[in-house]
PDB file of N, CA and C in Angstrom:
ATOM      1  N   UNK A   1      -8.579  10.032   8.592  1.00  0.00           N
ATOM      2  CA  UNK A   1     -10.215  10.341   8.708  1.00  0.00           C
ATOM      3  C   UNK A   1     -10.716   8.783   7.971  1.00  0.00           C
ATOM      4  N   UNK A   2     -11.607   8.332   9.133  1.00  0.00           N
ATOM      5  CA  UNK A   2     -12.323   7.197   8.490  1.00  0.00           C
ATOM      6  C   UNK A   2     -13.479   7.414   7.587  1.00  0.00           C
ATOM      7  N   UNK A   3     -14.556   6.576   7.209  1.00  0.00           N
ATOM      8  CA  UNK A   3     -15.153   6.543   6.026  1.00  0.00           C
ATOM      9  C   UNK A   3     -16.395   7.613   6.908  1.00  0.00           C
ATOM     10  N   UNK A   4     -16.593   7.620   8.018  1.00  0.00           N
ATOM     11  CA  UNK A   4     -18.075   8.488   8.585  1.00  0.00           C
ATOM     12  C   UNK A   4     -17.018   9.648   9.153  1.00  0.00           C
ATOM     13  N   UNK A   5     -15.806   9.914   9.452  1.00  0.00           N
ATOM     14  CA  UNK A   5     -15.602  11.220   9.128  1.00  0.00           C
ATOM     15  C   UNK A   5     -15.287  11.771   7.829  1.00  0.00           C
ATOM     16  N   UNK A   6     -14.991  10.938   7.058  1.00  0.00           N
ATOM     17  CA  UNK A   6     -15.012  11.777   5.419  1.00  0.00           C
ATOM     18  C   UNK A   6     -16.323  12.412   5.513  1.00  0.00           C
ATOM     19  N   UNK A   7     -17.751  11.355   5.774  1.00  0.00           N
ATOM     20  CA  UNK A   7     -18.966  12.053   4.869  1.00  0.00           C
ATOM     21  C   UNK A   7     -19.122  13.080   6.106  1.00  0.00           C
ATOM     22  N   UNK A   8     -18.695  13.101   7.513  1.00  0.00           N
ATOM     23  CA  UNK A   8     -18.759  14.369   8.663  1.00  0.00           C
ATOM     24  C   UNK A   8     -18.320  15.559   7.930  1.00  0.00           C
ATOM     25  N   UNK A   9     -17.152  15.488   7.457  1.00  0.00           N
ATOM     26  CA  UNK A   9     -16.538  16.505   6.876  1.00  0.00           C
ATOM     27  C   UNK A   9     -17.085  16.870   5.574  1.00  0.00           C
ATOM     28  N   UNK A  10     -17.137  16.106   4.428  1.00  0.00           N
ATOM     29  CA  UNK A  10     -18.509  16.817   3.676  1.00  0.00           C
ATOM     30  C   UNK A  10     -19.424  17.451   3.716  1.00  0.00           C
ATOM     31  N   UNK A  11     -20.321  16.868   4.945  1.00  0.00           N
ATOM     32  CA  UNK A  11     -21.837  17.856   4.884  1.00  0.00           C
ATOM     33  C   UNK A  11     -21.227  19.042   5.740  1.00  0.00           C
ATOM     34  N   UNK A  12     -20.177  19.112   6.256  1.00  0.00           N
ATOM     35  CA  UNK A  12     -19.879  20.070   6.835  1.00  0.00           C
ATOM     36  C   UNK A  12     -19.454  21.443   6.063  1.00  0.00           C
ATOM     37  N   UNK A  13     -18.460  20.920   5.136  1.00  0.00           N
ATOM     38  CA  UNK A  13     -17.510  21.888   4.188  1.00  0.00           C
ATOM     39  C   UNK A  13     -18.684  21.444   2.905  1.00  0.00           C
ATOM     40  N   UNK A  14     -19.478  21.979   2.909  1.00  0.00           N
ATOM     41  CA  UNK A  14     -20.374  21.699   1.113  1.00  0.00           C
ATOM     42  C   UNK A  14     -19.347  22.262  -0.020  1.00  0.00           C
ATOM     43  N   UNK A  15     -18.853  23.231   0.324  1.00  0.00           N
ATOM     44  CA  UNK A  15     -18.382  23.869  -1.126  1.00  0.00           C
ATOM     45  C   UNK A  15     -17.072  23.646  -1.215  1.00  0.00           C
ATOM     46  N   UNK A  16     -16.489  22.656  -0.448  1.00  0.00           N
ATOM     47  CA  UNK A  16     -15.264  22.525  -0.614  1.00  0.00           C
ATOM     48  C   UNK A  16     -15.509  21.034  -1.270  1.00  0.00           C
ATOM     49  N   UNK A  17     -16.340  20.229  -0.876  1.00  0.00           N
ATOM     50  CA  UNK A  17     -16.552  18.982  -0.871  1.00  0.00           C
ATOM     51  C   UNK A  17     -16.990  19.122  -2.980  1.00  0.00           C
ATOM     52  N   UNK A  18     -17.914  20.036  -2.804  1.00  0.00           N
ATOM     53  CA  UNK A  18     -18.543  20.068  -4.253  1.00  0.00           C
ATOM     54  C   UNK A  18     -17.028  20.602  -4.908  1.00  0.00           C
ATOM     55  N   UNK A  19     -16.357  21.281  -4.639  1.00  0.00           N
ATOM     56  CA  UNK A  19     -14.722  21.331  -5.454  1.00  0.00           C
ATOM     57  C   UNK A  19     -13.940  20.235  -5.791  1.00  0.00           C
ATOM     58  N   UNK A  20     -13.906  19.402  -4.810  1.00  0.00           N
ATOM     59  CA  UNK A  20     -13.442  18.230  -4.575  1.00  0.00           C
ATOM     60  C   UNK A  20     -14.086  17.197  -5.779  1.00  0.00           C
ATOM     61  N   UNK A  21     -15.398  16.997  -5.808  1.00  0.00           N
ATOM     62  CA  UNK A  21     -16.173  16.250  -6.600  1.00  0.00           C
ATOM     63  C   UNK A  21     -15.748  16.528  -8.212  1.00  0.00           C
ATOM     64  N   UNK A  22     -15.116  17.668  -8.563  1.00  0.00           N
ATOM     65  CA  UNK A  22     -15.115  18.075 -10.088  1.00  0.00           C
ATOM     66  C   UNK A  22     -13.829  17.547  -9.968  1.00  0.00           C
ATOM     67  N   UNK A  23     -12.600  16.693  -9.061  1.00  0.00           N
ATOM     68  CA  UNK A  23     -11.789  16.129  -9.448  1.00  0.00           C
ATOM     69  C   UNK A  23     -11.964  14.931  -9.773  1.00  0.00           C
ATOM     70  N   UNK A  24     -12.722  14.080 -10.125  1.00  0.00           N
ATOM     71  CA  UNK A  24     -13.251  12.567  -9.951  1.00  0.00           C
ATOM     72  C   UNK A  24     -13.292  12.913 -11.460  1.00  0.00           C
ATOM     73  N   UNK A  25     -12.727  11.534 -11.689  1.00  0.00           N
ATOM     74  CA  UNK A  25     -12.786  11.056 -13.714  1.00  0.00           C
ATOM     75  C   UNK A  25     -13.910  10.245 -13.940  1.00  0.00           C
ATOM     76  N   UNK A  26     -14.147  10.486 -15.219  1.00  0.00           N
ATOM     77  CA  UNK A  26     -15.389   9.761 -15.583  1.00  0.00           C
ATOM     78  C   UNK A  26     -14.731   8.117 -15.901  1.00  0.00           C
ATOM     79  N   UNK A  27     -13.866   7.631 -15.202  1.00  0.00           N
ATOM     80  CA  UNK A  27     -13.548   6.415 -15.596  1.00  0.00           C
ATOM     81  C   UNK A  27     -13.193   5.796 -14.053  1.00  0.00           C
ATOM     82  N   UNK A  28     -13.731   6.417 -12.708  1.00  0.00           N
ATOM     83  CA  UNK A  28     -13.070   6.368 -11.720  1.00  0.00           C
ATOM     84  C   UNK A  28     -14.727   5.239 -11.362  1.00  0.00           C
ATOM     85  N   UNK A  29     -14.274   4.140 -10.520  1.00  0.00           N
ATOM     86  CA  UNK A  29     -14.805   3.083  -9.928  1.00  0.00           C
ATOM     87  C   UNK A  29     -15.552   4.072  -8.579  1.00  0.00           C
ATOM     88  N   UNK A  30     -16.759   3.793  -7.712  1.00  0.00           N
ATOM     89  CA  UNK A  30     -16.751   4.258  -6.485  1.00  0.00           C
ATOM     90  C   UNK A  30     -15.681   3.855  -5.401  1.00  0.00           C
ATOM     91  N   UNK A  31     -15.262   2.557  -5.602  1.00  0.00           N
ATOM     92  CA  UNK A  31     -14.300   2.323  -4.443  1.00  0.00           C
ATOM     93  C   UNK A  31     -12.947   3.172  -4.899  1.00  0.00           C
ATOM     94  N   UNK A  32     -12.781   3.437  -6.390  1.00  0.00           N
ATOM     95  CA  UNK A  32     -11.192   4.145  -6.666  1.00  0.00           C
ATOM     96  C   UNK A  32     -11.597   5.550  -6.176  1.00  0.00           C
ATOM     97  N   UNK A  33     -12.768   5.807  -6.435  1.00  0.00           N
ATOM     98  CA  UNK A  33     -13.118   7.741  -6.267  1.00  0.00           C
ATOM     99  C   UNK A  33     -13.091   7.900  -4.403  1.00  0.00           C
ATOM    100  N   UNK A  34     -13.912   7.040  -4.012  1.00  0.00           N
ATOM    101  CA  UNK A  34     -14.042   7.464  -2.300  1.00  0.00           C
ATOM    102  C   UNK A  34     -12.854   7.260  -1.739  1.00  0.00           C
ATOM    103  N   UNK A  35     -11.625   6.309  -1.879  1.00  0.00           N
ATOM    104  CA  UNK A  35     -10.418   6.163  -1.939  1.00  0.00           C
ATOM    105  C   UNK A  35      -9.460   7.641  -2.206  1.00  0.00           C
ATOM    106  N   UNK A  36      -9.320   7.889  -3.314  1.00  0.00           N
ATOM    107  CA  UNK A  36      -8.561   9.172  -3.990  1.00  0.00           C
ATOM    108  C   UNK A  36      -9.527  10.222  -3.346  1.00  0.00           C
ATOM    109  N   UNK A  37     -10.513  10.435  -2.878  1.00  0.00           N
ATOM    110  CA  UNK A  37     -11.288  11.923  -2.386  1.00  0.00           C
ATOM    111  C   UNK A  37     -10.976  12.179  -1.084  1.00  0.00           C
ATOM    112  N   UNK A  38     -10.760  10.533  -0.525  1.00  0.00           N
ATOM    113  CA  UNK A  38     -10.511  10.871   1.025  1.00  0.00           C
ATOM    114  C   UNK A  38      -8.940  10.818   1.493  1.00  0.00           C
ATOM    115  N   UNK A  39      -7.715  10.922   0.349  1.00  0.00           N
ATOM    116  CA  UNK A  39      -6.458  11.105  -0.106  1.00  0.00           C
ATOM    117  C   UNK A  39      -6.529  12.496  -0.330  1.00  0.00           C
ATOM    118  N   UNK A  40      -7.144  13.141  -1.324  1.00  0.00           N
ATOM    119  CA  UNK A  40      -7.413  14.765  -1.387  1.00  0.00           C
ATOM    120  C   UNK A  40      -7.775  15.623  -0.340  1.00  0.00           C
ATOM    121  N   UNK A  41      -9.188  15.239   0.488  1.00  0.00           N
ATOM    122  CA  UNK A  41      -9.643  15.434   1.839  1.00  0.00           C
ATOM    123  C   UNK A  41      -8.882  15.837   2.966  1.00  0.00           C
ATOM    124  N   UNK A  42      -7.802  14.573   3.060  1.00  0.00           N
ATOM    125  CA  UNK A  42      -6.914  14.496   4.193  1.00  0.00           C
ATOM    126  C   UNK A  42      -5.537  15.444   3.937  1.00  0.00           C
ATOM    127  N   UNK A  43      -5.309  16.221   2.320  1.00  0.00           N
ATOM    128  CA  UNK A  43      -4.104  16.738   2.278  1.00  0.00           C
ATOM    129  C   UNK A  43      -4.268  18.433   1.781  1.00  0.00           C
ATOM    130  N   UNK A  44      -6.041  18.720   1.231  1.00  0.00           N
ATOM    131  CA  UNK A  44      -5.933  19.868   0.944  1.00  0.00           C
ATOM    132  C   UNK A  44      -5.732  20.823   1.535  1.00  0.00           C
ATOM    133  N   UNK A  45      -5.968  21.139   2.971  1.00  0.00           N
ATOM    134  CA  UNK A  45      -5.086  22.343   3.735  1.00  0.00           C
ATOM    135  C   UNK A  45      -3.695  22.750   3.406  1.00  0.00           C
ATOM    136  N   UNK A  46      -2.970  21.659   2.736  1.00  0.00           N
ATOM    137  CA  UNK A  46      -1.353  21.946   2.460  1.00  0.00           C
ATOM    138  C   UNK A  46      -1.049  22.229   1.391  1.00  0.00           C
ATOM    139  N   UNK A  47      -2.341  22.120   0.391  1.00  0.00           N
ATOM    140  CA  UNK A  47      -1.866  22.150  -0.943  1.00  0.00           C
ATOM    141  C   UNK A  47      -3.051  23.540  -1.642  1.00  0.00           C
ATOM    142  N   UNK A  48      -3.608  24.259  -0.929  1.00  0.00           N
ATOM    143  CA  UNK A  48      -4.634  25.190  -1.670  1.00  0.00           C
ATOM    144  C   UNK A  48      -4.294  26.170  -2.940  1.00  0.00           C
ATOM    145  N   UNK A  49      -4.940  26.558  -2.903  1.00  0.00           N
ATOM    146  CA  UNK A  49      -4.668  27.462  -4.792  1.00  0.00           C
ATOM    147  C   UNK A  49      -3.233  28.440  -4.509  1.00  0.00           C
ATOM    148  N   UNK A  50      -2.701  28.709  -5.172  1.00  0.00           N
ATOM    149  CA  UNK A  50      -2.566  27.833  -6.846  1.00  0.00           C
ATOM    150  C   UNK A  50      -1.964  26.618  -6.635  1.00  0.00           C
ATOM    151  N   UNK A  51      -1.830  25.813  -5.284  1.00  0.00           N
ATOM    152  CA  UNK A  51      -0.781  24.547  -5.635  1.00  0.00           C
ATOM    153  C   UNK A  51      -1.774  23.304  -5.456  1.00  0.00           C
ATOM    154  N   UNK A  52      -3.152  23.284  -5.860  1.00  0.00           N
ATOM    155  CA  UNK A  52      -4.342  22.555  -5.881  1.00  0.00           C
ATOM    156  C   UNK A  52      -3.743  21.297  -7.323  1.00  0.00           C
ATOM    157  N   UNK A  53      -3.468  21.616  -8.122  1.00  0.00           N
ATOM    158  CA  UNK A  53      -3.315  20.751  -9.226  1.00  0.00           C
ATOM    159  C   UNK A  53      -2.114  19.962  -8.938  1.00  0.00           C
ATOM    160  N   UNK A  54      -1.200  20.085  -7.834  1.00  0.00           N
ATOM    161  CA  UNK A  54       0.174  19.443  -7.331  1.00  0.00           C
ATOM    162  C   UNK A  54      -0.638  18.550  -6.478  1.00  0.00           C
ATOM    163  N   UNK A  55      -1.683  18.659  -5.487  1.00  0.00           N
ATOM    164  CA  UNK A  55      -2.494  17.459  -4.891  1.00  0.00           C
ATOM    165  C   UNK A  55      -3.224  16.845  -5.624  1.00  0.00           C
ATOM    166  N   UNK A  56      -3.876  17.110  -6.941  1.00  0.00           N
ATOM    167  CA  UNK A  56      -4.591  16.214  -7.717  1.00  0.00           C
ATOM    168  C   UNK A  56      -3.871  15.098  -8.491  1.00  0.00           C
ATOM    169  N   UNK A  57      -2.712  15.974  -8.514  1.00  0.00           N
ATOM    170  CA  UNK A  57      -1.379  14.832  -9.418  1.00  0.00           C
ATOM    171  C   UNK A  57      -0.926  14.014  -8.570  1.00  0.00           C
ATOM    172  N   UNK A  58      -0.654  13.911  -7.471  1.00  0.00           N
ATOM    173  CA  UNK A  58      -0.284  13.362  -6.128  1.00  0.00           C
ATOM    174  C   UNK A  58      -1.157  12.033  -5.998  1.00  0.00           C
ATOM    175  N   UNK A  59      -2.436  12.845  -5.718  1.00  0.00           N
ATOM    176  CA  UNK A  59      -3.669  11.970  -5.267  1.00  0.00           C
ATOM    177  C   UNK A  59      -3.562  10.996  -6.993  1.00  0.00           C
ATOM    178  N   UNK A  60      -3.406  11.172  -8.028  1.00  0.00           N
ATOM    179  CA  UNK A  60      -3.748  10.311  -9.057  1.00  0.00           C
ATOM    180  C   UNK A  60      -2.355   9.147  -8.886  1.00  0.00           C
ATOM    181  N   UNK A  61      -1.342   9.922  -8.997  1.00  0.00           N
ATOM    182  CA  UNK A  61       0.217   8.633  -8.655  1.00  0.00           C
ATOM    183  C   UNK A  61      -0.377   7.752  -7.120  1.00  0.00           C
ATOM    184  N   UNK A  62      -0.950   8.129  -6.498  1.00  0.00           N
ATOM    185  CA  UNK A  62      -0.989   7.215  -5.566  1.00  0.00           C
ATOM    186  C   UNK A  62      -2.534   6.110  -5.931  1.00  0.00           C
ATOM    187  N   UNK A  63      -3.650   6.979  -6.263  1.00  0.00           N
ATOM    188  CA  UNK A  63      -4.331   5.755  -6.910  1.00  0.00           C
ATOM    189  C   UNK A  63      -4.226   4.653  -7.831  1.00  0.00           C
ATOM    190  N   UNK A  64      -3.017   5.344  -9.002  1.00  0.00           N
ATOM    191  CA  UNK A  64      -2.394   4.637  -9.801  1.00  0.00           C
ATOM    192  C   UNK A  64      -1.416   3.650  -9.188  1.00  0.00           C
ATOM    193  N   UNK A  65      -0.707   3.840  -8.042  1.00  0.00           N
ATOM    194  CA  UNK A  65       0.097   2.447  -7.587  1.00  0.00           C
ATOM    195  C   UNK A  65      -0.786   1.928  -6.854  1.00  0.00           C
ATOM    196  N   UNK A  66      -1.422   2.336  -6.099  1.00  0.00           N
ATOM    197  CA  UNK A  66      -2.743   1.372  -5.348  1.00  0.00           C
ATOM    198  C   UNK A  66      -3.416   0.185  -6.347  1.00  0.00           C
ATOM    199  N   UNK A  67      -4.193   0.879  -7.352  1.00  0.00           N
ATOM    200  CA  UNK A  67      -5.181   0.373  -8.114  1.00  0.00           C
ATOM    201  C   UNK A  67      -4.699  -0.325  -9.244  1.00  0.00           C
ATOM    202  N   UNK A  68      -3.785   0.194  -9.921  1.00  0.00           N
ATOM    203  CA  UNK A  68      -3.195  -0.258 -11.025  1.00  0.00           C
ATOM    204  C   UNK A  68      -2.013  -0.952 -10.825  1.00  0.00           C
ATOM    205  N   UNK A  69      -1.448  -0.699  -9.764  1.00  0.00           N
ATOM    206  CA  UNK A  69       0.130  -1.333 -10.019  1.00  0.00           C
ATOM    207  C   UNK A  69       1.183  -0.421 -10.396  1.00  0.00           C
ATOM    208  N   UNK A  70       0.715   0.757 -10.840  1.00  0.00           N
ATOM    209  CA  UNK A  70       2.073   1.824 -11.390  1.00  0.00           C
ATOM    210  C   UNK A  70       3.527   1.573 -10.586  1.00  0.00           C
ATOM    211  N   UNK A  71       4.211   1.696 -11.190  1.00  0.00           N
ATOM    212  CA  UNK A  71       5.356   2.336 -10.248  1.00  0.00           C
ATOM    213  C   UNK A  71       6.214   3.493 -10.792  1.00  0.00           C
ATOM    214  N   UNK A  72       6.613   4.062  -9.661  1.00  0.00           N
ATOM    215  CA  UNK A  72       7.307   5.476  -9.740  1.00  0.00           C
ATOM    216  C   UNK A  72       8.718   5.763  -8.760  1.00  0.00           C
ATOM    217  N   UNK A  73       8.996   6.469  -8.896  1.00  0.00           N
ATOM    218  CA  UNK A  73      10.449   6.505  -8.529  1.00  0.00           C
ATOM    219  C   UNK A  73      10.100   6.826  -6.691  1.00  0.00           C
ATOM    220  N   UNK A  74      11.462   6.010  -6.103  1.00  0.00           N
ATOM    221  CA  UNK A  74      10.689   5.990  -4.224  1.00  0.00           C
ATOM    222  C   UNK A  74      10.470   6.698  -3.833  1.00  0.00           C
ATOM    223  N   UNK A  75      10.713   8.046  -4.433  1.00  0.00           N
ATOM    224  CA  UNK A  75      10.704   9.487  -3.314  1.00  0.00           C
ATOM    225  C   UNK A  75       9.674   9.665  -3.406  1.00  0.00           C
ATOM    226  N   UNK A  76       8.762   9.578  -4.596  1.00  0.00           N
ATOM    227  CA  UNK A  76       7.699  10.030  -4.601  1.00  0.00           C
ATOM    228  C   UNK A  76       6.623   8.955  -4.320  1.00  0.00           C
ATOM    229  N   UNK A  77       6.994   7.876  -4.249  1.00  0.00           N
ATOM    230  CA  UNK A  77       6.006   6.884  -3.643  1.00  0.00           C
ATOM    231  C   UNK A  77       6.313   6.884  -2.297  1.00  0.00           C
ATOM    232  N   UNK A  78       7.291   7.166  -1.763  1.00  0.00           N
ATOM    233  CA  UNK A  78       7.309   7.556  -0.066  1.00  0.00           C
ATOM    234  C   UNK A  78       6.569   8.541  -0.311  1.00  0.00           C
ATOM    235  N   UNK A  79       6.770   9.967  -0.288  1.00  0.00           N
ATOM    236  CA  UNK A  79       5.744  11.183  -0.186  1.00  0.00           C
ATOM    237  C   UNK A  79       4.194  10.492  -0.319  1.00  0.00           C
ATOM    238  N   UNK A  80       4.002   9.891  -1.436  1.00  0.00           N
ATOM    239  CA  UNK A  80       2.342   9.613  -1.459  1.00  0.00           C
ATOM    240  C   UNK A  80       2.365   9.167  -0.359  1.00  0.00           C
ATOM    241  N   UNK A  81       2.494   8.184   0.336  1.00  0.00           N
ATOM    242  CA  UNK A  81       2.107   6.494   1.072  1.00  0.00           C
ATOM    243  C   UNK A  81       2.188   7.587   2.463  1.00  0.00           C
ATOM    244  N   UNK A  82       2.908   8.682   2.530  1.00  0.00           N
ATOM    245  CA  UNK A  82       2.718   8.758   3.688  1.00  0.00           C
ATOM    246  C   UNK A  82       1.913   9.928   3.904  1.00  0.00           C
ATOM    247  N   UNK A  83       1.078  10.543   2.460  1.00  0.00           N
ATOM    248  CA  UNK A  83       0.418  11.500   2.547  1.00  0.00           C
ATOM    249  C   UNK A  83      -1.241  10.343   2.312  1.00  0.00           C
ATOM    250  N   UNK A  84      -0.914   9.384   2.633  1.00  0.00           N
ATOM    251  CA  UNK A  84      -2.363   8.676   2.369  1.00  0.00           C
ATOM    252  C   UNK A  84      -2.339   7.881   3.619  1.00  0.00           C
ATOM    253  N   UNK A  85      -1.618   7.773   4.406  1.00  0.00           N
ATOM    254  CA  UNK A  85      -1.233   7.538   6.137  1.00  0.00           C
ATOM    255  C   UNK A  85      -2.849   7.376   6.691  1.00  0.00           C
ATOM    256  N   UNK A  86      -3.839   6.297   7.189  1.00  0.00           N
ATOM    257  CA  UNK A  86      -4.862   6.492   7.251  1.00  0.00           C
ATOM    258  C   UNK A  86      -6.218   6.292   6.415  1.00  0.00           C
ATOM    259  N   UNK A  87      -5.652   6.255   4.917  1.00  0.00           N
ATOM    260  CA  UNK A  87      -6.336   6.112   3.898  1.00  0.00           C
ATOM    261  C   UNK A  87      -6.654   4.500   3.933  1.00  0.00           C
ATOM    262  N   UNK A  88      -7.819   4.080   4.130  1.00  0.00           N
ATOM    263  CA  UNK A  88      -8.069   2.251   3.821  1.00  0.00           C
ATOM    264  C   UNK A  88      -8.485   1.997   2.656  1.00  0.00           C
ATOM    265  N   UNK A  89      -8.157   1.189   1.758  1.00  0.00           N
ATOM    266  CA  UNK A  89      -8.262   0.415   0.378  1.00  0.00           C
ATOM    267  C   UNK A  89      -8.995  -1.019   0.945  1.00  0.00           C
ATOM    268  N   UNK A  90      -9.806  -1.373   0.967  1.00  0.00           N
ATOM    269  CA  UNK A  90     -10.247  -2.561   1.330  1.00  0.00           C
ATOM    270  C   UNK A  90     -10.340  -3.675  -0.332  1.00  0.00           C
ATOM    271  N   UNK A  91      -9.551  -4.761   0.184  1.00  0.00           N
ATOM    272  CA  UNK A  91      -9.508  -5.496  -1.056  1.00  0.00           C
ATOM    273  C   UNK A  91      -8.606  -4.650  -2.240  1.00  0.00           C
ATOM    274  N   UNK A  92      -7.647  -3.995  -1.598  1.00  0.00           N
ATOM    275  CA  UNK A  92      -6.604  -3.647  -2.761  1.00  0.00           C
ATOM    276  C   UNK A  92      -6.125  -4.917  -3.643  1.00  0.00           C
ATOM    277  N   UNK A  93      -5.825  -4.576  -4.924  1.00  0.00           N
ATOM    278  CA  UNK A  93      -5.172  -5.404  -5.417  1.00  0.00           C
ATOM    279  C   UNK A  93      -3.572  -5.311  -5.601  1.00  0.00           C
ATOM    280  N   UNK A  94      -2.970  -6.927  -5.251  1.00  0.00           N
ATOM    281  CA  UNK A  94      -2.009  -6.951  -5.321  1.00  0.00           C
ATOM    282  C   UNK A  94      -1.080  -7.294  -6.314  1.00  0.00           C
ATOM    283  N   UNK A  95       0.316  -6.420  -6.950  1.00  0.00           N
ATOM    284  CA  UNK A  95       0.613  -6.500  -7.636  1.00  0.00           C
ATOM    285  C   UNK A  95       2.170  -6.967  -7.682  1.00  0.00           C
ATOM    286  N   UNK A  96       2.767  -8.027  -8.551  1.00  0.00           N
ATOM    287  CA  UNK A  96       3.693  -8.693  -8.443  1.00  0.00           C
ATOM    288  C   UNK A  96       4.909  -7.811  -9.750  1.00  0.00           C
ATOM    289  N   UNK A  97       6.036  -7.461  -9.501  1.00  0.00           N
ATOM    290  CA  UNK A  97       6.564  -7.292  -9.906  1.00  0.00           C
ATOM    291  C   UNK A  97       7.696  -8.293 -11.548  1.00  0.00           C
ATOM    292  N   UNK A  98       7.903  -7.898 -12.239  1.00  0.00           N
ATOM    293  CA  UNK A  98       8.516  -8.955 -13.291  1.00  0.00           C
ATOM    294  C   UNK A  98       9.527 -10.207 -12.452  1.00  0.00           C
ATOM    295  N   UNK A  99      10.361  -9.211 -11.847  1.00  0.00           N
ATOM    296  CA  UNK A  99      11.278  -9.869 -11.450  1.00  0.00           C
ATOM    297  C   UNK A  99      11.084 -10.975 -10.316  1.00  0.00           C
ATOM    298  N   UNK A 100      10.099 -10.349  -9.582  1.00  0.00           N
ATOM    299  CA  UNK A 100       9.267 -11.530  -8.408  1.00  0.00           C
ATOM    300  C   UNK A 100       8.752 -12.833  -9.169  1.00  0.00           C
ATOM    301  N   UNK A 101       8.067 -12.357 -10.148  1.00  0.00           N
ATOM    302  CA  UNK A 101       7.727 -13.273 -10.841  1.00  0.00           C
ATOM    303  C   UNK A 101       8.778 -13.980 -11.210  1.00  0.00           C
ATOM    304  N   UNK A 102       9.796 -13.522 -11.982  1.00  0.00           N
ATOM    305  CA  UNK A 102      10.490 -14.653 -12.523  1.00  0.00           C
ATOM    306  C   UNK A 102      11.645 -15.415 -11.612  1.00  0.00           C
ATOM    307  N   UNK A 103      11.694 -14.590 -10.396  1.00  0.00           N
ATOM    308  CA  UNK A 103      12.486 -15.265  -8.934  1.00  0.00           C
ATOM    309  C   UNK A 103      11.532 -16.587  -8.513  1.00  0.00           C
ATOM    310  N   UNK A 104      10.088 -16.160  -8.974  1.00  0.00           N
ATOM    311  CA  UNK A 104       9.456 -17.730  -8.336  1.00  0.00           C
ATOM    312  C   UNK A 104       9.440 -18.631  -9.586  1.00  0.00           C
ATOM    313  N   UNK A 105       9.535 -18.444 -10.342  1.00  0.00           N
ATOM    314  CA  UNK A 105       9.892 -19.434 -11.657  1.00  0.00           C
ATOM    315  C   UNK A 105      10.461 -20.415 -11.543  1.00  0.00           C
ATOM    316  N   UNK A 106      11.676 -19.846 -11.071  1.00  0.00           N
ATOM    317  CA  UNK A 106      13.132 -20.137 -11.064  1.00  0.00           C
ATOM    318  C   UNK A 106      13.520 -21.137  -9.497  1.00  0.00           C
ATOM    319  N   UNK A 107      12.553 -20.770  -8.779  1.00  0.00           N
ATOM    320  CA  UNK A 107      12.670 -21.399  -7.511  1.00  0.00           C
ATOM    321  C   UNK A 107      11.683 -22.876  -7.871  1.00  0.00           C
ATOM    322  N   UNK A 108      10.640 -23.037  -8.635  1.00  0.00           N
ATOM    323  CA  UNK A 108       9.987 -24.122  -8.751  1.00  0.00           C
ATOM    324  C   UNK A 108      10.964 -25.280  -9.330  1.00  0.00           C
TER     325      UNK A 108
END
């Protein structure tokens, strides 16, 4: 679902779009929210009531990993990465683990 596709979907599904807007955190930038909203919209048909809170949680895991570099179990990360297939985040930060930094310092 490209950005234009997301906007078209929102225009055609106003009630759903309004419900999804309630999931936005006040701390989220436009860039952060637009990516997480797309994640939610791409997967919402698989997580309808009463499982919508699971989708919101998974969207936060994905966003925290992408934007903040938070780490989770490999199984969970694989799941959210599969769910996020097609979501494009321009200029996403790149994070290095402590081990990667230490290894680089030893090589210098």
